[in-house]
Amino acid sequence: MIRTIEATIDEQGNVRLLEPVKLPSTRRALVTILEDAPSVSANETALLSEPVLAKDWNRPEEDVAWSHLQPER
């Protein structure tokens, strides 16, 4: 199973996981070093965008345009 876990890395390269991890045995890992902490997470961005996008999505014209993807009733 592949999991993504947030961590910090200090100036000496020491990695500190921000949540506990239990594994049945030693595992390989990849480390991606990011510039700065994001000011807003992707989930927050999606939630904040939803009301604005809903104005466009929740129109009868949109329902008709995408109706071919809906299961038959």
PDB file of N, CA and C in Angstrom:
ATOM      1  N   MET A   1       0.848  -1.177   0.000  1.00  0.00           N
ATOM      2  CA  MET A   1       0.000   0.000   0.000  1.00  0.00           C
ATOM      3  C   MET A   1       0.893   1.240   0.000  1.00  0.00           C
ATOM      4  N   ILE A   2       0.589   2.191  -0.858  1.00  0.00           N
ATOM      5  CA  ILE A   2       1.314   3.458  -0.907  1.00  0.00           C
ATOM      6  C   ILE A   2       0.557   4.475  -0.063  1.00  0.00           C
ATOM      7  N   ARG A   3       1.282   5.159   0.818  1.00  0.00           N
ATOM      8  CA  ARG A   3       0.687   6.186   1.666  1.00  0.00           C
ATOM      9  C   ARG A   3       1.530   7.442   1.577  1.00  0.00           C
ATOM     10  N   THR A   4       0.913   8.569   1.744  1.00  0.00           N
ATOM     11  CA  THR A   4       1.631   9.836   1.816  1.00  0.00           C
ATOM     12  C   THR A   4       1.500  10.358   3.232  1.00  0.00           C
ATOM     13  N   ILE A   5       2.629  10.696   3.820  1.00  0.00           N
ATOM     14  CA  ILE A   5       2.659  11.162   5.201  1.00  0.00           C
ATOM     15  C   ILE A   5       3.446  12.461   5.241  1.00  0.00           C
ATOM     16  N   GLU A   6       2.893  13.473   5.861  1.00  0.00           N
ATOM     17  CA  GLU A   6       3.590  14.759   5.953  1.00  0.00           C
ATOM     18  C   GLU A   6       4.733  14.647   6.961  1.00  0.00           C
ATOM     19  N   ALA A   7       5.830  15.324   6.652  1.00  0.00           N
ATOM     20  CA  ALA A   7       7.007  15.299   7.508  1.00  0.00           C
ATOM     21  C   ALA A   7       7.731  16.630   7.395  1.00  0.00           C
ATOM     22  N   THR A   8       8.657  16.859   8.312  1.00  0.00           N
ATOM     23  CA  THR A   8       9.554  18.002   8.205  1.00  0.00           C
ATOM     24  C   THR A   8      10.978  17.474   8.135  1.00  0.00           C
ATOM     25  N   ILE A   9      11.855  18.244   7.499  1.00  0.00           N
ATOM     26  CA  ILE A   9      13.268  17.889   7.403  1.00  0.00           C
ATOM     27  C   ILE A   9      14.065  19.089   7.896  1.00  0.00           C
ATOM     28  N   ASP A  10      14.940  18.853   8.878  1.00  0.00           N
ATOM     29  CA  ASP A  10      15.732  19.963   9.391  1.00  0.00           C
ATOM     30  C   ASP A  10      16.976  20.197   8.529  1.00  0.00           C
ATOM     31  N   GLU A  11      17.758  21.195   8.906  1.00  0.00           N
ATOM     32  CA  GLU A  11      18.924  21.591   8.122  1.00  0.00           C
ATOM     33  C   GLU A  11      19.963  20.480   7.997  1.00  0.00           C
ATOM     34  N   GLN A  12      19.990  19.545   8.937  1.00  0.00           N
ATOM     35  CA  GLN A  12      20.933  18.432   8.890  1.00  0.00           C
ATOM     36  C   GLN A  12      20.382  17.239   8.109  1.00  0.00           C
ATOM     37  N   GLY A  13      19.155  17.351   7.601  1.00  0.00           N
ATOM     38  CA  GLY A  13      18.559  16.271   6.828  1.00  0.00           C
ATOM     39  C   GLY A  13      17.790  15.254   7.652  1.00  0.00           C
ATOM     40  N   ASN A  14      17.577  15.528   8.928  1.00  0.00           N
ATOM     41  CA  ASN A  14      16.809  14.626   9.768  1.00  0.00           C
ATOM     42  C   ASN A  14      15.324  14.743   9.430  1.00  0.00           C
ATOM     43  N   VAL A  15      14.691  13.622   9.166  1.00  0.00           N
ATOM     44  CA  VAL A  15      13.284  13.586   8.793  1.00  0.00           C
ATOM     45  C   VAL A  15      12.449  13.277  10.022  1.00  0.00           C
ATOM     46  N   ARG A  16      11.398  14.072  10.256  1.00  0.00           N
ATOM     47  CA  ARG A  16      10.483  13.821  11.377  1.00  0.00           C
ATOM     48  C   ARG A  16       9.078  13.723  10.812  1.00  0.00           C
ATOM     49  N   LEU A  17       8.487  12.541  10.948  1.00  0.00           N
ATOM     50  CA  LEU A  17       7.118  12.337  10.490  1.00  0.00           C
ATOM     51  C   LEU A  17       6.165  13.065  11.421  1.00  0.00           C
ATOM     52  N   LEU A  18       5.106  13.639  10.860  1.00  0.00           N
ATOM     53  CA  LEU A  18       4.159  14.404  11.668  1.00  0.00           C
ATOM     54  C   LEU A  18       3.008  13.566  12.190  1.00  0.00           C
ATOM     55  N   GLU A  19       3.048  12.262  11.935  1.00  0.00           N
ATOM     56  CA  GLU A  19       2.057  11.345  12.491  1.00  0.00           C
ATOM     57  C   GLU A  19       2.743   9.996  12.705  1.00  0.00           C
ATOM     58  N   PRO A  20       2.273   9.220  13.659  1.00  0.00           N
ATOM     59  CA  PRO A  20       2.892   7.914  13.899  1.00  0.00           C
ATOM     60  C   PRO A  20       2.630   6.952  12.741  1.00  0.00           C
ATOM     61  N   VAL A  21       3.605   6.086  12.474  1.00  0.00           N
ATOM     62  CA  VAL A  21       3.487   5.117  11.393  1.00  0.00           C
ATOM     63  C   VAL A  21       3.882   3.746  11.930  1.00  0.00           C
ATOM     64  N   LYS A  22       3.020   2.758  11.706  1.00  0.00           N
ATOM     65  CA  LYS A  22       3.328   1.374  12.082  1.00  0.00           C
ATOM     66  C   LYS A  22       3.387   0.558  10.807  1.00  0.00           C
ATOM     67  N   LEU A  23       4.487  -0.157  10.605  1.00  0.00           N
ATOM     68  CA  LEU A  23       4.677  -0.983   9.423  1.00  0.00           C
ATOM     69  C   LEU A  23       5.045  -2.400   9.851  1.00  0.00           C
ATOM     70  N   PRO A  24       4.646  -3.398   9.077  1.00  0.00           N
ATOM     71  CA  PRO A  24       4.969  -4.773   9.435  1.00  0.00           C
ATOM     72  C   PRO A  24       6.446  -5.109   9.254  1.00  0.00           C
ATOM     73  N   SER A  25       7.155  -4.345   8.414  1.00  0.00           N
ATOM     74  CA  SER A  25       8.582  -4.559   8.189  1.00  0.00           C
ATOM     75  C   SER A  25       9.164  -3.297   7.558  1.00  0.00           C
ATOM     76  N   THR A  26      10.458  -3.291   7.319  1.00  0.00           N
ATOM     77  CA  THR A  26      11.113  -2.151   6.693  1.00  0.00           C
ATOM     78  C   THR A  26      10.530  -1.904   5.303  1.00  0.00           C
ATOM     79  N   ARG A  27      10.313  -0.649   4.967  1.00  0.00           N
ATOM     80  CA  ARG A  27       9.773  -0.272   3.666  1.00  0.00           C
ATOM     81  C   ARG A  27      10.656   0.798   3.041  1.00  0.00           C
ATOM     82  N   ARG A  28      10.606   0.859   1.708  1.00  0.00           N
ATOM     83  CA  ARG A  28      11.280   1.937   0.988  1.00  0.00           C
ATOM     84  C   ARG A  28      10.415   3.184   1.089  1.00  0.00           C
ATOM     85  N   ALA A  29      11.019   4.343   0.866  1.00  0.00           N
ATOM     86  CA  ALA A  29      10.261   5.597   0.895  1.00  0.00           C
ATOM     87  C   ALA A  29      10.875   6.571  -0.090  1.00  0.00           C
ATOM     88  N   LEU A  30      10.060   7.472  -0.597  1.00  0.00           N
ATOM     89  CA  LEU A  30      10.512   8.574  -1.427  1.00  0.00           C
ATOM     90  C   LEU A  30      10.275   9.858  -0.649  1.00  0.00           C
ATOM     91  N   VAL A  31      11.190  10.800  -0.760  1.00  0.00           N
ATOM     92  CA  VAL A  31      11.055  12.072  -0.060  1.00  0.00           C
ATOM     93  C   VAL A  31      11.022  13.186  -1.094  1.00  0.00           C
ATOM     94  N   THR A  32       9.986  14.002  -1.054  1.00  0.00           N
ATOM     95  CA  THR A  32       9.877  15.175  -1.913  1.00  0.00           C
ATOM     96  C   THR A  32      10.043  16.400  -1.031  1.00  0.00           C
ATOM     97  N   ILE A  33      11.002  17.235  -1.346  1.00  0.00           N
ATOM     98  CA  ILE A  33      11.256  18.425  -0.542  1.00  0.00           C
ATOM     99  C   ILE A  33      10.503  19.595  -1.170  1.00  0.00           C
ATOM    100  N   LEU A  34       9.616  20.194  -0.391  1.00  0.00           N
ATOM    101  CA  LEU A  34       8.781  21.307  -0.836  1.00  0.00           C
ATOM    102  C   LEU A  34       9.403  22.628  -0.410  1.00  0.00           C
ATOM    103  N   GLU A  35       9.074  23.690  -1.110  1.00  0.00           N
ATOM    104  CA  GLU A  35       9.616  25.016  -0.783  1.00  0.00           C
ATOM    105  C   GLU A  35       9.129  25.514   0.577  1.00  0.00           C
ATOM    106  N   ASP A  36       7.831  25.755   0.695  1.00  0.00           N
ATOM    107  CA  ASP A  36       7.250  26.292   1.915  1.00  0.00           C
ATOM    108  C   ASP A  36       5.944  25.567   2.186  1.00  0.00           C
ATOM    109  N   ALA A  37       5.461  25.701   3.391  1.00  0.00           N
ATOM    110  CA  ALA A  37       4.161  25.122   3.730  1.00  0.00           C
ATOM    111  C   ALA A  37       3.082  25.851   2.943  1.00  0.00           C
ATOM    112  N   PRO A  38       2.095  25.126   2.403  1.00  0.00           N
ATOM    113  CA  PRO A  38       1.024  25.813   1.669  1.00  0.00           C
ATOM    114  C   PRO A  38       0.189  26.663   2.618  1.00  0.00           C
ATOM    115  N   SER A  39      -0.261  27.811   2.123  1.00  0.00           N
ATOM    116  CA  SER A  39      -1.083  28.680   2.964  1.00  0.00           C
ATOM    117  C   SER A  39      -2.507  28.139   3.060  1.00  0.00           C
ATOM    118  N   VAL A  40      -2.950  27.426   2.009  1.00  0.00           N
ATOM    119  CA  VAL A  40      -4.282  26.828   1.991  1.00  0.00           C
ATOM    120  C   VAL A  40      -4.131  25.432   1.394  1.00  0.00           C
ATOM    121  N   SER A  41      -4.707  24.444   2.056  1.00  0.00           N
ATOM    122  CA  SER A  41      -4.601  23.082   1.531  1.00  0.00           C
ATOM    123  C   SER A  41      -5.503  22.906   0.313  1.00  0.00           C
ATOM    124  N   ALA A  42      -5.241  21.869  -0.472  1.00  0.00           N
ATOM    125  CA  ALA A  42      -6.052  21.596  -1.659  1.00  0.00           C
ATOM    126  C   ALA A  42      -7.507  21.368  -1.281  1.00  0.00           C
ATOM    127  N   ASN A  43      -7.752  20.676  -0.181  1.00  0.00           N
ATOM    128  CA  ASN A  43      -9.134  20.436   0.246  1.00  0.00           C
ATOM    129  C   ASN A  43      -9.842  21.744   0.577  1.00  0.00           C
ATOM    130  N   GLU A  44      -9.140  22.651   1.237  1.00  0.00           N
ATOM    131  CA  GLU A  44      -9.747  23.939   1.565  1.00  0.00           C
ATOM    132  C   GLU A  44     -10.065  24.728   0.295  1.00  0.00           C
ATOM    133  N   THR A  45      -9.160  24.675  -0.676  1.00  0.00           N
ATOM    134  CA  THR A  45      -9.390  25.372  -1.938  1.00  0.00           C
ATOM    135  C   THR A  45     -10.633  24.833  -2.627  1.00  0.00           C
ATOM    136  N   ALA A  46     -10.774  23.510  -2.662  1.00  0.00           N
ATOM    137  CA  ALA A  46     -11.949  22.906  -3.293  1.00  0.00           C
ATOM    138  C   ALA A  46     -13.224  23.322  -2.568  1.00  0.00           C
ATOM    139  N   LEU A  47     -13.202  23.297  -1.248  1.00  0.00           N
ATOM    140  CA  LEU A  47     -14.389  23.671  -0.484  1.00  0.00           C
ATOM    141  C   LEU A  47     -14.744  25.141  -0.675  1.00  0.00           C
ATOM    142  N   LEU A  48     -13.721  25.995  -0.738  1.00  0.00           N
ATOM    143  CA  LEU A  48     -13.988  27.420  -0.926  1.00  0.00           C
ATOM    144  C   LEU A  48     -14.487  27.726  -2.330  1.00  0.00           C
ATOM    145  N   SER A  49     -14.098  26.918  -3.321  1.00  0.00           N
ATOM    146  CA  SER A  49     -14.515  27.129  -4.709  1.00  0.00           C
ATOM    147  C   SER A  49     -15.918  26.623  -4.987  1.00  0.00           C
ATOM    148  N   GLU A  50     -16.384  25.676  -4.197  1.00  0.00           N
ATOM    149  CA  GLU A  50     -17.651  25.011  -4.498  1.00  0.00           C
ATOM    150  C   GLU A  50     -18.834  25.964  -4.666  1.00  0.00           C
ATOM    151  N   PRO A  51     -19.076  26.931  -3.783  1.00  0.00           N
ATOM    152  CA  PRO A  51     -20.246  27.800  -3.968  1.00  0.00           C
ATOM    153  C   PRO A  51     -20.211  28.584  -5.282  1.00  0.00           C
ATOM    154  N   VAL A  52     -19.031  29.033  -5.676  1.00  0.00           N
ATOM    155  CA  VAL A  52     -18.918  29.795  -6.920  1.00  0.00           C
ATOM    156  C   VAL A  52     -19.163  28.889  -8.118  1.00  0.00           C
ATOM    157  N   LEU A  53     -18.563  27.699  -8.103  1.00  0.00           N
ATOM    158  CA  LEU A  53     -18.747  26.769  -9.208  1.00  0.00           C
ATOM    159  C   LEU A  53     -20.176  26.243  -9.266  1.00  0.00           C
ATOM    160  N   ALA A  54     -20.819  26.111  -8.121  1.00  0.00           N
ATOM    161  CA  ALA A  54     -22.188  25.597  -8.083  1.00  0.00           C
ATOM    162  C   ALA A  54     -23.149  26.489  -8.859  1.00  0.00           C
ATOM    163  N   LYS A  55     -22.864  27.792  -8.886  1.00  0.00           N
ATOM    164  CA  LYS A  55     -23.730  28.700  -9.653  1.00  0.00           C
ATOM    165  C   LYS A  55     -23.762  28.300 -11.123  1.00  0.00           C
ATOM    166  N   ASP A  56     -22.630  27.839 -11.646  1.00  0.00           N
ATOM    167  CA  ASP A  56     -22.565  27.414 -13.041  1.00  0.00           C
ATOM    168  C   ASP A  56     -23.038  25.976 -13.209  1.00  0.00           C
ATOM    169  N   TRP A  57     -22.661  25.112 -12.292  1.00  0.00           N
ATOM    170  CA  TRP A  57     -22.983  23.686 -12.416  1.00  0.00           C
ATOM    171  C   TRP A  57     -24.464  23.392 -12.221  1.00  0.00           C
ATOM    172  N   ASN A  58     -25.096  24.082 -11.296  1.00  0.00           N
ATOM    173  CA  ASN A  58     -26.475  23.775 -10.925  1.00  0.00           C
ATOM    174  C   ASN A  58     -27.476  24.571 -11.753  1.00  0.00           C
ATOM    175  N   ARG A  59     -27.375  24.399 -13.054  1.00  0.00           N
ATOM    176  CA  ARG A  59     -28.311  25.051 -13.979  1.00  0.00           C
ATOM    177  C   ARG A  59     -28.971  23.965 -14.820  1.00  0.00           C
ATOM    178  N   PRO A  60     -30.210  24.173 -15.242  1.00  0.00           N
ATOM    179  CA  PRO A  60     -30.893  23.179 -16.081  1.00  0.00           C
ATOM    180  C   PRO A  60     -30.106  22.857 -17.355  1.00  0.00           C
ATOM    181  N   GLU A  61     -29.435  23.855 -17.935  1.00  0.00           N
ATOM    182  CA  GLU A  61     -28.663  23.619 -19.153  1.00  0.00           C
ATOM    183  C   GLU A  61     -27.536  22.602 -18.921  1.00  0.00           C
ATOM    184  N   GLU A  62     -26.931  22.672 -17.748  1.00  0.00           N
ATOM    185  CA  GLU A  62     -25.867  21.723 -17.407  1.00  0.00           C
ATOM    186  C   GLU A  62     -26.434  20.319 -17.247  1.00  0.00           C
ATOM    187  N   ASP A  63     -27.590  20.218 -16.624  1.00  0.00           N
ATOM    188  CA  ASP A  63     -28.225  18.904 -16.463  1.00  0.00           C
ATOM    189  C   ASP A  63     -28.489  18.261 -17.818  1.00  0.00           C
ATOM    190  N   VAL A  64     -28.986  19.049 -18.757  1.00  0.00           N
ATOM    191  CA  VAL A  64     -29.263  18.538 -20.104  1.00  0.00           C
ATOM    192  C   VAL A  64     -27.954  18.149 -20.789  1.00  0.00           C
ATOM    193  N   ALA A  65     -26.949  18.984 -20.683  1.00  0.00           N
ATOM    194  CA  ALA A  65     -25.676  18.732 -21.359  1.00  0.00           C
ATOM    195  C   ALA A  65     -25.020  17.440 -20.897  1.00  0.00           C
ATOM    196  N   TRP A  66     -25.181  17.075 -19.646  1.00  0.00           N
ATOM    197  CA  TRP A  66     -24.529  15.890 -19.099  1.00  0.00           C
ATOM    198  C   TRP A  66     -25.486  14.718 -18.897  1.00  0.00           C
ATOM    199  N   SER A  67     -26.711  14.845 -19.323  1.00  0.00           N
ATOM    200  CA  SER A  67     -27.719  13.805 -19.088  1.00  0.00           C
ATOM    201  C   SER A  67     -27.344  12.478 -19.742  1.00  0.00           C
ATOM    202  N   HIS A  68     -26.601  12.502 -20.846  1.00  0.00           N
ATOM    203  CA  HIS A  68     -26.213  11.259 -21.510  1.00  0.00           C
ATOM    204  C   HIS A  68     -25.284  10.390 -20.653  1.00  0.00           C
ATOM    205  N   LEU A  69     -24.711  10.956 -19.612  1.00  0.00           N
ATOM    206  CA  LEU A  69     -23.838  10.193 -18.716  1.00  0.00           C
ATOM    207  C   LEU A  69     -24.583   9.616 -17.514  1.00  0.00           C
ATOM    208  N   GLN A  70     -25.842   9.966 -17.356  1.00  0.00           N
ATOM    209  CA  GLN A  70     -26.648   9.479 -16.242  1.00  0.00           C
ATOM    210  C   GLN A  70     -27.224   8.108 -16.585  1.00  0.00           C
ATOM    211  N   PRO A  71     -27.338   7.224 -15.579  1.00  0.00           N
ATOM    212  CA  PRO A  71     -27.951   5.915 -15.838  1.00  0.00           C
ATOM    213  C   PRO A  71     -29.414   6.076 -16.209  1.00  0.00           C
ATOM    214  N   GLU A  72     -29.904   5.132 -16.997  1.00  0.00           N
ATOM    215  CA  GLU A  72     -31.327   5.142 -17.396  1.00  0.00           C
ATOM    216  C   GLU A  72     -32.196   4.938 -16.177  1.00  0.00           C
ATOM    217  N   ARG A  73     -33.341   5.593 -16.145  1.00  0.00           N
ATOM    218  CA  ARG A  73     -34.262   5.444 -15.004  1.00  0.00           C
ATOM    219  C   ARG A  73     -35.409   4.559 -15.387  1.00  0.00           C
TER     220      ARG A  73
END
